[in-house]
Amino acid sequence: MSPLADRVVQLAFDPGISPKGGGLPGLAVLKNVVNSINLFGIIAVVGALAVSLGVWAWGHHTGGHQAEANGKKGATVAAGAALGLGAANGLVAFFSALGSQVH
């Protein structure tokens, strides 16, 4: 084989590694920590959404166009963050399954 073909063969080598639960101690603790971080994130997003909606309403009623625009941006960002936090597990599972199909 040529040196280029050897490099291609090396790139195509399958290391045989796949995710497996129970290999290391502390997996349950790590899952609990990540679940708690997700919960705190969702609670923070609820607060951010409430504040943003309040700023939006205040800006609208007082004629403060900058405050109104910032409230809209904050509400949009908070809604997007809520979507991301809620869908995080499903997104990771989807892309993990999609990635496992690559050969």
Protein backbone atom coordinates (compact mmCIF):
# COMPACT_ATOMS: atom_id res chain seq x y z
CA MET A 1 0.00 0.00 0.00
CA SER A 2 1.02 3.56 -0.49
CA PRO A 3 1.66 5.90 2.46
CA LEU A 4 -1.59 7.75 1.71
CA ALA A 5 -3.58 4.51 1.80
CA ASP A 6 -1.96 3.62 5.14
CA ARG A 7 -3.13 6.95 6.58
CA VAL A 8 -6.69 6.37 5.33
CA VAL A 9 -6.72 2.93 6.91
CA GLN A 10 -5.49 4.42 10.20
CA LEU A 11 -8.26 7.05 10.12
CA ALA A 12 -10.88 4.33 9.57
CA PHE A 13 -9.75 2.27 12.57
CA ASP A 14 -12.64 1.44 14.94
CA PRO A 15 -11.48 1.72 18.57
CA GLY A 16 -14.55 -0.22 19.76
CA ILE A 17 -15.57 2.33 22.40
CA SER A 18 -19.23 2.84 23.31
CA PRO A 19 -20.99 4.43 26.31
CA LYS A 20 -21.65 1.96 29.11
CA GLY A 21 -23.25 2.64 32.47
CA GLY A 22 -21.78 1.25 35.67
CA GLY A 23 -18.15 1.41 34.59
CA LEU A 24 -17.15 4.04 37.13
CA PRO A 25 -18.40 4.73 40.63
CA GLY A 26 -20.43 7.86 41.24
CA LEU A 27 -22.59 7.77 38.12
CA ALA A 28 -25.79 8.11 40.16
CA VAL A 29 -24.32 11.09 42.03
CA LEU A 30 -23.27 12.74 38.76
CA LYS A 31 -26.77 12.27 37.30
CA ASN A 32 -28.25 13.78 40.46
CA VAL A 33 -25.92 16.80 40.23
CA VAL A 34 -26.76 17.39 36.56
CA ASN A 35 -30.50 17.06 37.28
CA SER A 36 -30.13 19.63 40.06
CA ILE A 37 -28.23 22.02 37.78
CA ASN A 38 -31.01 21.69 35.20
CA LEU A 39 -33.62 22.43 37.88
CA PHE A 40 -31.76 25.54 39.03
CA GLY A 41 -31.47 26.66 35.41
CA ILE A 42 -35.21 26.28 34.87
CA ILE A 43 -35.96 28.20 38.07
CA ALA A 44 -33.59 30.98 36.96
CA VAL A 45 -35.30 31.11 33.57
CA VAL A 46 -38.70 31.50 35.22
CA GLY A 47 -37.34 34.48 37.18
CA ALA A 48 -35.71 35.98 34.10
CA LEU A 49 -38.92 35.58 32.12
CA ALA A 50 -40.96 37.27 34.87
CA VAL A 51 -38.54 40.20 35.06
CA SER A 52 -38.37 40.53 31.27
CA LEU A 53 -42.14 40.53 30.91
CA GLY A 54 -42.37 43.15 33.65
CA VAL A 55 -39.80 45.36 31.90
CA TRP A 56 -41.63 44.88 28.61
CA ALA A 57 -44.97 45.93 30.15
CA TRP A 58 -43.41 48.85 32.05
CA GLY A 59 -41.67 50.09 28.91
CA HIS A 60 -44.85 49.82 26.89
CA HIS A 61 -47.00 51.72 29.39
CA THR A 62 -44.45 54.46 30.08
CA GLY A 63 -43.43 55.00 26.48
CA GLY A 64 -39.89 53.77 27.12
CA HIS A 65 -39.13 52.18 23.80
CA GLN A 66 -35.66 51.02 24.84
CA ALA A 67 -37.05 49.28 27.95
CA GLU A 68 -39.80 47.73 25.87
CA ALA A 69 -37.28 46.39 23.34
CA ASN A 70 -35.04 45.05 26.10
CA GLY A 71 -38.03 43.35 27.73
CA LYS A 72 -38.93 41.68 24.45
CA LYS A 73 -35.35 40.50 23.95
CA GLY A 74 -35.19 39.18 27.50
CA ALA A 75 -38.48 37.33 27.13
CA THR A 76 -37.32 35.78 23.86
CA VAL A 77 -34.00 34.71 25.33
CA ALA A 78 -35.68 33.29 28.43
CA ALA A 79 -38.16 31.34 26.30
CA GLY A 80 -35.29 29.97 24.21
CA ALA A 81 -33.37 29.01 27.33
CA ALA A 82 -36.44 27.23 28.70
CA LEU A 83 -36.78 25.36 25.42
CA GLY A 84 -33.12 24.36 25.52
CA LEU A 85 -33.18 23.25 29.15
CA GLY A 86 -36.37 21.27 28.69
CA ALA A 87 -35.16 19.61 25.51
CA ALA A 88 -31.56 19.00 26.61
CA ASN A 89 -32.01 15.33 27.46
CA GLY A 90 -33.93 14.58 24.27
CA LEU A 91 -31.47 16.53 22.10
CA VAL A 92 -28.48 14.68 23.54
CA ALA A 93 -30.24 11.33 23.17
CA PHE A 94 -31.22 12.14 19.56
CA PHE A 95 -27.74 13.21 18.49
CA SER A 96 -26.11 10.36 20.40
CA ALA A 97 -28.31 7.87 18.56
CA LEU A 98 -27.60 9.66 15.30
CA GLY A 99 -23.87 9.60 15.99
CA SER A 100 -23.90 5.90 16.82
CA GLN A 101 -25.18 5.21 13.29
CA VAL A 102 -22.09 6.73 11.68
CA HIS A 103 -19.72 4.03 10.46
